[in-house]
Structures are given as C-alpha cells and as structure tokens.
Protein backbone atom coordinates (compact mmCIF):
# COMPACT_ATOMS: atom_id res chain seq x y z
CA MET A 1 114.56 113.88 105.45
CA SER A 2 112.72 111.69 107.88
CA LEU A 3 109.37 110.43 106.66
CA ARG A 4 107.32 108.67 109.29
CA VAL A 5 103.84 107.21 109.12
CA ARG A 6 102.31 110.21 110.90
CA ASP A 7 103.68 112.36 108.06
CA PHE A 8 102.64 109.97 105.31
CA PRO A 9 98.93 109.73 104.55
CA ASP A 10 97.32 106.36 105.09
CA ARG A 11 94.59 107.06 102.54
CA GLY A 12 93.81 109.46 99.75
CA PHE A 13 95.20 110.33 96.34
CA VAL A 14 98.85 109.60 97.09
CA VAL A 15 98.18 106.05 98.24
CA TRP A 16 95.74 105.39 95.40
CA PHE A 17 98.23 106.76 92.86
CA ALA A 18 101.01 104.56 94.22
CA LEU A 19 98.81 101.46 94.03
CA THR A 20 96.96 101.97 90.76
CA ALA A 21 99.17 104.12 88.52
CA GLY A 22 101.03 101.12 87.09
CA ILE A 23 97.79 99.36 86.18
CA VAL A 24 96.18 102.43 84.65
CA VAL A 25 99.29 103.37 82.68
CA TRP A 26 99.67 99.83 81.35
CA ILE A 27 96.03 99.76 80.18
CA ILE A 28 96.41 103.16 78.51
CA HIS A 29 99.70 102.05 76.95
CA LEU A 30 98.14 98.88 75.55
CA THR A 31 95.04 100.63 74.23
CA ALA A 32 96.85 103.64 72.79
CA PHE A 33 99.39 101.53 70.94
CA ALA A 34 96.65 99.39 69.43
CA ALA A 35 94.74 102.51 68.40
CA ILE A 36 97.60 104.41 66.75
CA VAL A 37 99.40 101.61 64.91
CA THR A 38 97.68 102.40 61.58
CA PHE A 39 98.30 106.13 62.02
CA VAL A 40 101.99 105.51 62.73
CA HIS A 41 102.27 103.15 59.77
CA THR A 42 100.67 105.51 57.26
CA ASN A 43 102.26 108.75 58.48
CA GLY A 44 105.61 107.52 59.75
CA TYR A 45 105.33 108.90 63.29
CA PHE A 46 107.38 106.12 64.88
CA TRP A 47 108.50 108.49 67.64
CA LEU A 48 105.00 108.20 69.17
CA PHE A 49 105.84 104.64 70.20
CA ASN A 50 109.09 105.77 71.81
CA ALA A 51 107.32 108.59 73.66
CA GLY A 52 104.55 106.27 74.82
CA ASN A 53 107.04 103.71 76.13
CA ALA A 54 109.06 106.35 77.95
CA LEU A 55 106.02 108.01 79.52
CA ALA A 56 104.55 104.70 80.70
CA VAL A 57 107.84 103.59 82.23
CA ILE A 58 108.40 106.95 83.96
CA VAL A 59 104.95 107.04 85.57
CA THR A 60 105.23 103.42 86.72
CA VAL A 61 108.68 104.03 88.19
CA ILE A 62 107.35 107.09 90.06
CA ALA A 63 104.56 104.95 91.52
CA THR A 64 107.08 102.26 92.47
CA VAL A 65 109.34 104.78 94.20
CA LEU A 66 106.34 106.14 96.06
CA CYS A 67 105.50 102.61 97.25
CA TRP A 68 109.11 102.22 98.37
CA VAL A 69 108.84 105.46 100.38
CA MET A 70 105.62 104.15 101.93
CA LEU A 71 107.39 100.93 102.89
CA ARG A 72 110.35 102.75 104.41
CA SER A 73 108.09 105.12 106.35
CA THR A 74 106.96 102.45 108.79
CA ASP A 75 108.40 99.56 110.71
CA ALA A 76 105.06 98.21 111.91
CA ASP A 77 103.88 94.70 111.16
CA GLU A 78 101.07 94.24 108.66
CA GLU A 79 99.05 92.21 111.14
CA ASP A 80 98.87 95.04 113.69
CA GLY A 81 95.63 96.40 112.29
CA THR A 82 96.94 99.94 112.65
CA PRO A 83 97.33 102.63 109.98
CA ALA A 84 101.08 101.91 110.00
CA GLY A 85 100.44 98.20 109.38
CA ARG A 86 98.01 99.06 106.61
CA ILE A 87 100.58 101.33 104.94
CA ARG A 88 103.17 98.55 105.08
CA PHE A 89 100.80 96.04 103.49
CA LEU A 90 99.70 98.48 100.78
CA ALA A 91 103.31 99.43 100.07
CA GLU A 92 104.37 95.80 99.60
CA PHE A 93 101.32 95.11 97.45
CA GLY A 94 102.02 98.24 95.39
CA LEU A 95 105.64 97.23 94.82
CA LEU A 96 104.51 93.86 93.49
CA VAL A 97 101.77 95.31 91.27
CA ASN A 98 104.01 98.04 89.85
CA ALA A 99 106.84 95.59 89.18
CA ILE A 100 104.48 93.33 87.23
CA ASN A 101 103.09 96.27 85.27
CA LEU A 102 106.58 97.57 84.52
CA LEU A 103 107.44 94.15 83.12
CA LEU A 104 104.27 94.14 81.02
CA ILE A 105 104.99 97.63 79.68
CA ALA A 106 108.56 96.65 78.80
CA LEU A 107 107.46 93.46 77.04
CA GLU A 108 104.68 95.22 75.18
CA GLY A 109 106.97 98.09 74.24
CA SER A 110 109.61 95.71 72.91
CA TYR A 111 107.24 94.52 70.17
CA VAL A 112 107.53 97.95 68.61
CA TYR A 113 111.20 97.28 67.89
CA ILE A 114 110.83 93.60 67.00
CA ILE A 115 107.83 93.81 64.68
CA ARG A 116 108.26 96.91 62.56
CA THR A 117 105.22 98.59 61.07
CA GLY A 118 104.72 97.89 57.38
CA ARG A 119 105.97 94.31 57.47
C-alpha cells in the first residue's frame, strides 16, 4: 500500500486526532482515575484501573502510528511551506507529543500497582 501526501489529508479530523488524541486521553485518564478511586476502594472494582490503563495506551498508540504514517507519507522538507512540508512537521510534532503522553500514562498507571487502594 502506497500512501502519498496527495492521498493523506493535510487537515481535518485525522490530523487533529493524530496530534491531540494522546493529550486528551491522558487528561481523561488522570481525571477518571482521580474520580473513581473511592468507588474502586469501597466496591473492589480494581479491574477499572486495568481497563482504563489499557484503553489509554491503545488510543495513544493508535495516534502515534497515525503520526508515523503521516511522516512516512512525505519526503518533503518542513521548511518548504507546502502541504507536504506541513504534514511532515505535524507528524514529527505528533510523534513527540504522543510519546510524552504515553510516558505520562504509563507512569500514572503504574501508581495503581505500587500504591494499592485501602493502604
């Protein structure tokens, strides 16, 4: 399958998803875990933490792969000022942002296993 810049959109939902999904998922992950910790502690639904971690990681990895596809779809230079250059810049920026958010999700999710509820 050959994906070139003329086939890949240079704006729209796909590009926005690739760039912002990691940030949005991390914020939801952080907020949801803070909101349900008492519920999990009193009712014993520890699996909610596992499901939340898995879902956040999966969505962020999908966004990262999409940024990788964007990067591989063009060989233009970022400084060209063309749609192909813009896609390259956004893809590199998205890879960095999603990698940072994946790290944050993993670190935040690890607290669930280190600090058990009820201690």
